[in-house]
N, C-alpha and C. Protein backbone atom coordinates (compact mmCIF):
# COMPACT_ATOMS: atom_id res chain seq x y z
N MET A 1 0.85 -1.18 0.00
CA MET A 1 0.00 0.00 0.00
C MET A 1 0.89 1.24 0.00
N TYR A 2 0.41 2.28 -0.67
CA TYR A 2 1.13 3.56 -0.83
C TYR A 2 0.42 4.61 0.01
N HIS A 3 1.18 5.34 0.81
CA HIS A 3 0.64 6.38 1.69
C HIS A 3 1.32 7.71 1.37
N ALA A 4 0.54 8.75 1.16
CA ALA A 4 1.07 10.10 0.97
C ALA A 4 0.70 10.92 2.20
N LEU A 5 1.69 11.51 2.85
CA LEU A 5 1.49 12.25 4.09
C LEU A 5 1.85 13.71 3.88
N TRP A 6 0.90 14.60 4.22
CA TRP A 6 1.07 16.05 4.06
C TRP A 6 0.83 16.74 5.40
N GLU A 7 1.50 17.87 5.60
CA GLU A 7 1.27 18.72 6.77
C GLU A 7 0.76 20.07 6.29
N PHE A 8 -0.21 20.61 7.04
CA PHE A 8 -0.80 21.92 6.73
C PHE A 8 -0.89 22.75 8.00
N ARG A 9 -0.81 24.06 7.84
CA ARG A 9 -1.12 25.02 8.90
C ARG A 9 -2.25 25.89 8.36
N VAL A 10 -3.30 26.05 9.17
CA VAL A 10 -4.52 26.70 8.71
C VAL A 10 -4.95 27.75 9.73
N ALA A 11 -5.21 28.96 9.26
CA ALA A 11 -5.69 30.04 10.13
C ALA A 11 -7.07 29.68 10.66
N GLU A 12 -7.38 30.19 11.84
CA GLU A 12 -8.62 29.83 12.52
C GLU A 12 -9.87 30.04 11.65
N GLU A 13 -9.92 31.13 10.92
CA GLU A 13 -11.11 31.43 10.13
C GLU A 13 -11.31 30.47 8.95
N HIS A 14 -10.27 29.76 8.57
CA HIS A 14 -10.36 28.83 7.44
C HIS A 14 -10.52 27.36 7.86
N ARG A 15 -10.44 27.09 9.15
CA ARG A 15 -10.45 25.70 9.60
C ARG A 15 -11.72 24.93 9.26
N PRO A 16 -12.91 25.51 9.44
CA PRO A 16 -14.11 24.74 9.06
C PRO A 16 -14.13 24.34 7.58
N ALA A 17 -13.79 25.26 6.70
CA ALA A 17 -13.76 24.96 5.26
C ALA A 17 -12.67 23.94 4.96
N PHE A 18 -11.50 24.10 5.56
CA PHE A 18 -10.41 23.16 5.35
C PHE A 18 -10.82 21.75 5.76
N GLU A 19 -11.43 21.62 6.93
CA GLU A 19 -11.84 20.31 7.42
C GLU A 19 -12.88 19.67 6.51
N ARG A 20 -13.78 20.47 5.94
CA ARG A 20 -14.77 19.93 5.00
C ARG A 20 -14.10 19.44 3.71
N LEU A 21 -13.17 20.21 3.19
CA LEU A 21 -12.54 19.87 1.92
C LEU A 21 -11.54 18.72 2.03
N TYR A 22 -10.83 18.64 3.15
CA TYR A 22 -9.76 17.66 3.30
C TYR A 22 -10.16 16.43 4.11
N GLY A 23 -11.35 16.43 4.66
CA GLY A 23 -11.81 15.29 5.45
C GLY A 23 -12.08 14.06 4.60
N PRO A 24 -12.38 12.93 5.24
CA PRO A 24 -12.56 11.68 4.51
C PRO A 24 -13.75 11.66 3.55
N ALA A 25 -14.66 12.61 3.67
CA ALA A 25 -15.79 12.72 2.74
C ALA A 25 -15.73 14.04 1.96
N GLY A 26 -14.59 14.71 2.01
CA GLY A 26 -14.45 16.02 1.39
C GLY A 26 -14.13 15.95 -0.09
N ASP A 27 -13.91 17.12 -0.67
CA ASP A 27 -13.68 17.23 -2.11
C ASP A 27 -12.45 16.47 -2.58
N TRP A 28 -11.38 16.45 -1.77
CA TRP A 28 -10.19 15.71 -2.18
C TRP A 28 -10.50 14.22 -2.24
N ALA A 29 -11.15 13.70 -1.22
CA ALA A 29 -11.47 12.27 -1.21
C ALA A 29 -12.43 11.92 -2.35
N LYS A 30 -13.37 12.81 -2.65
CA LYS A 30 -14.29 12.56 -3.77
C LYS A 30 -13.55 12.54 -5.10
N LEU A 31 -12.60 13.44 -5.26
CA LEU A 31 -11.80 13.44 -6.49
C LEU A 31 -10.99 12.16 -6.59
N PHE A 32 -10.30 11.80 -5.53
CA PHE A 32 -9.47 10.59 -5.54
C PHE A 32 -10.31 9.34 -5.74
N ALA A 33 -11.54 9.35 -5.25
CA ALA A 33 -12.41 8.18 -5.34
C ALA A 33 -12.81 7.84 -6.78
N ARG A 34 -12.47 8.70 -7.71
CA ARG A 34 -12.69 8.37 -9.13
C ARG A 34 -11.82 7.19 -9.55
N SER A 35 -10.80 6.92 -8.77
CA SER A 35 -9.94 5.77 -9.03
C SER A 35 -10.35 4.61 -8.14
N PRO A 36 -10.50 3.41 -8.71
CA PRO A 36 -10.81 2.25 -7.87
C PRO A 36 -9.64 1.85 -6.98
N ASP A 37 -8.46 2.43 -7.23
CA ASP A 37 -7.27 2.11 -6.45
C ASP A 37 -7.05 3.05 -5.26
N PHE A 38 -7.94 4.02 -5.08
CA PHE A 38 -7.88 4.90 -3.92
C PHE A 38 -8.50 4.16 -2.74
N LEU A 39 -7.79 4.10 -1.64
CA LEU A 39 -8.23 3.30 -0.49
C LEU A 39 -8.70 4.14 0.69
N GLY A 40 -8.67 5.47 0.56
CA GLY A 40 -9.20 6.30 1.63
C GLY A 40 -8.27 7.42 2.05
N ALA A 41 -8.86 8.36 2.78
CA ALA A 41 -8.12 9.52 3.28
C ALA A 41 -8.41 9.70 4.76
N THR A 42 -7.40 10.15 5.48
CA THR A 42 -7.54 10.44 6.90
C THR A 42 -7.07 11.87 7.13
N LEU A 43 -7.85 12.64 7.89
CA LEU A 43 -7.47 13.99 8.28
C LEU A 43 -7.22 13.98 9.78
N LEU A 44 -6.03 14.42 10.19
CA LEU A 44 -5.65 14.46 11.60
C LEU A 44 -5.46 15.91 12.03
N ARG A 45 -6.01 16.25 13.18
CA ARG A 45 -5.86 17.60 13.75
C ARG A 45 -4.98 17.50 14.99
N ASP A 46 -3.95 18.31 15.04
CA ASP A 46 -3.01 18.32 16.16
C ASP A 46 -3.70 18.90 17.39
N ARG A 47 -3.70 18.16 18.48
CA ARG A 47 -4.34 18.62 19.72
C ARG A 47 -3.49 19.67 20.44
N ALA A 48 -2.19 19.64 20.22
CA ALA A 48 -1.29 20.55 20.93
C ALA A 48 -1.05 21.86 20.19
N LEU A 49 -1.20 21.85 18.87
CA LEU A 49 -0.91 23.04 18.07
C LEU A 49 -2.12 23.36 17.19
N PRO A 50 -2.98 24.27 17.64
CA PRO A 50 -4.18 24.60 16.87
C PRO A 50 -3.82 25.05 15.45
N GLY A 51 -4.59 24.53 14.50
CA GLY A 51 -4.38 24.91 13.11
C GLY A 51 -3.40 24.03 12.36
N ARG A 52 -2.81 23.06 13.04
CA ARG A 52 -1.89 22.12 12.38
C ARG A 52 -2.65 20.83 12.06
N TYR A 53 -2.53 20.40 10.82
CA TYR A 53 -3.22 19.19 10.35
C TYR A 53 -2.25 18.31 9.58
N LEU A 54 -2.55 17.02 9.57
CA LEU A 54 -1.89 16.07 8.69
C LEU A 54 -2.96 15.37 7.87
N THR A 55 -2.66 15.10 6.61
CA THR A 55 -3.53 14.27 5.80
C THR A 55 -2.74 13.03 5.38
N LEU A 56 -3.45 11.92 5.33
CA LEU A 56 -2.87 10.65 4.91
C LEU A 56 -3.79 10.06 3.85
N ASP A 57 -3.29 9.99 2.63
CA ASP A 57 -4.06 9.42 1.52
C ASP A 57 -3.47 8.05 1.21
N ARG A 58 -4.36 7.05 1.08
CA ARG A 58 -3.91 5.68 0.86
C ARG A 58 -4.32 5.20 -0.54
N TRP A 59 -3.36 4.60 -1.20
CA TRP A 59 -3.56 4.08 -2.55
C TRP A 59 -3.06 2.65 -2.62
N LYS A 60 -3.53 1.92 -3.62
CA LYS A 60 -3.10 0.54 -3.83
C LYS A 60 -1.59 0.46 -3.96
N ASP A 61 -1.01 1.34 -4.78
CA ASP A 61 0.43 1.39 -4.97
C ASP A 61 0.79 2.73 -5.63
N ALA A 62 2.07 3.00 -5.75
CA ALA A 62 2.53 4.28 -6.30
C ALA A 62 2.08 4.44 -7.75
N GLY A 63 2.08 3.37 -8.51
CA GLY A 63 1.64 3.44 -9.90
C GLY A 63 0.20 3.87 -10.04
N ALA A 64 -0.65 3.42 -9.13
CA ALA A 64 -2.06 3.80 -9.16
C ALA A 64 -2.22 5.30 -8.95
N PHE A 65 -1.45 5.85 -8.01
CA PHE A 65 -1.51 7.28 -7.77
C PHE A 65 -0.99 8.06 -8.97
N ASP A 66 0.12 7.62 -9.53
CA ASP A 66 0.68 8.28 -10.71
C ASP A 66 -0.30 8.25 -11.88
N GLN A 67 -0.95 7.13 -12.07
CA GLN A 67 -1.93 7.00 -13.15
C GLN A 67 -3.12 7.94 -12.91
N PHE A 68 -3.55 8.02 -11.65
CA PHE A 68 -4.64 8.94 -11.31
C PHE A 68 -4.25 10.38 -11.66
N LEU A 69 -3.05 10.80 -11.26
CA LEU A 69 -2.61 12.16 -11.53
C LEU A 69 -2.56 12.45 -13.02
N GLU A 70 -2.11 11.48 -13.78
CA GLU A 70 -2.02 11.66 -15.22
C GLU A 70 -3.40 11.84 -15.85
N SER A 71 -4.36 11.05 -15.42
CA SER A 71 -5.68 11.10 -16.05
C SER A 71 -6.61 12.16 -15.47
N HIS A 72 -6.26 12.74 -14.31
CA HIS A 72 -7.11 13.76 -13.68
C HIS A 72 -6.34 15.03 -13.36
N ALA A 73 -5.32 15.33 -14.13
CA ALA A 73 -4.44 16.46 -13.83
C ALA A 73 -5.18 17.79 -13.76
N ALA A 74 -6.08 18.04 -14.68
CA ALA A 74 -6.78 19.33 -14.70
C ALA A 74 -7.67 19.49 -13.47
N ASP A 75 -8.40 18.45 -13.10
CA ASP A 75 -9.27 18.53 -11.92
C ASP A 75 -8.45 18.66 -10.64
N TYR A 76 -7.32 17.96 -10.57
CA TYR A 76 -6.43 18.05 -9.41
C TYR A 76 -5.90 19.48 -9.27
N LYS A 77 -5.45 20.04 -10.37
CA LYS A 77 -4.90 21.40 -10.35
C LYS A 77 -5.96 22.42 -9.96
N GLU A 78 -7.18 22.26 -10.47
CA GLU A 78 -8.26 23.21 -10.15
C GLU A 78 -8.58 23.15 -8.66
N LEU A 79 -8.71 21.96 -8.11
CA LEU A 79 -9.03 21.83 -6.69
C LEU A 79 -7.88 22.34 -5.83
N ASP A 80 -6.66 22.04 -6.21
CA ASP A 80 -5.50 22.52 -5.48
C ASP A 80 -5.46 24.05 -5.46
N SER A 81 -5.76 24.67 -6.59
CA SER A 81 -5.79 26.15 -6.66
C SER A 81 -6.88 26.72 -5.78
N ARG A 82 -8.03 26.07 -5.78
CA ARG A 82 -9.16 26.54 -4.96
C ARG A 82 -8.85 26.43 -3.47
N CYS A 83 -8.09 25.44 -3.08
CA CYS A 83 -7.80 25.21 -1.67
C CYS A 83 -6.58 26.00 -1.17
N GLU A 84 -5.79 26.50 -2.07
CA GLU A 84 -4.55 27.18 -1.70
C GLU A 84 -4.77 28.34 -0.72
N ALA A 85 -5.85 29.06 -0.89
CA ALA A 85 -6.11 30.22 -0.03
C ALA A 85 -6.45 29.83 1.41
N LEU A 86 -6.75 28.58 1.65
CA LEU A 86 -7.13 28.13 2.99
C LEU A 86 -5.93 27.88 3.90
N THR A 87 -4.76 27.69 3.31
CA THR A 87 -3.61 27.27 4.12
C THR A 87 -2.52 28.34 4.16
N ASP A 88 -1.89 28.42 5.31
CA ASP A 88 -0.74 29.31 5.49
C ASP A 88 0.56 28.57 5.18
N TYR A 89 0.51 27.25 5.28
CA TYR A 89 1.71 26.42 5.10
C TYR A 89 1.26 25.05 4.62
N GLU A 90 2.01 24.50 3.67
CA GLU A 90 1.72 23.17 3.15
C GLU A 90 3.04 22.50 2.81
N MET A 91 3.23 21.26 3.28
CA MET A 91 4.45 20.53 2.99
C MET A 91 4.15 19.05 2.83
N LYS A 92 4.66 18.49 1.76
CA LYS A 92 4.56 17.04 1.58
C LYS A 92 5.65 16.41 2.44
N ILE A 93 5.23 15.69 3.46
CA ILE A 93 6.20 15.05 4.35
C ILE A 93 6.88 13.90 3.64
N GLY A 94 6.11 13.15 2.88
CA GLY A 94 6.71 12.06 2.12
C GLY A 94 5.69 11.04 1.68
N VAL A 95 6.19 10.06 0.97
CA VAL A 95 5.37 8.92 0.56
C VAL A 95 5.97 7.67 1.18
N PHE A 96 5.11 6.80 1.62
CA PHE A 96 5.53 5.64 2.40
C PHE A 96 4.84 4.39 1.88
N GLU A 97 5.49 3.26 2.07
CA GLU A 97 4.92 1.98 1.70
C GLU A 97 4.67 1.16 2.96
N SER A 98 3.57 0.43 2.97
CA SER A 98 3.29 -0.49 4.08
C SER A 98 4.24 -1.68 3.98
N LEU A 99 4.68 -2.14 5.12
CA LEU A 99 5.55 -3.34 5.17
C LEU A 99 4.75 -4.53 5.65
C-alpha cells in the first residue's frame, strides 16, 4: 500500500472549510475516489498546536496514484488552486509503503 502524508497550517477562520474539503468525505477524497485504487483519506488535527493538520491518503500502490494524476491532472490542479487560499503552510512530508 502507498501512503502520501502532508502537513498543513490553517488560520482559525479557514479551519471549518479546510476540514470539509480535506476530510474523509471532502472534495479531495471525492476526487481521488474516481480511481478504484484509492483506499481512503484520513485527516488528523493536532491537539497541541491549533491549526496544524496532517492528511494521509492511501492508494493501492505508487503506480495507481501516478496514473490517477495523469488522467485527472486538470481537476487536481483546479481543486489545489481553490484550496490554496485556505492554508498558510503546506508541505509534503513524504510517501511511504506499508511493510
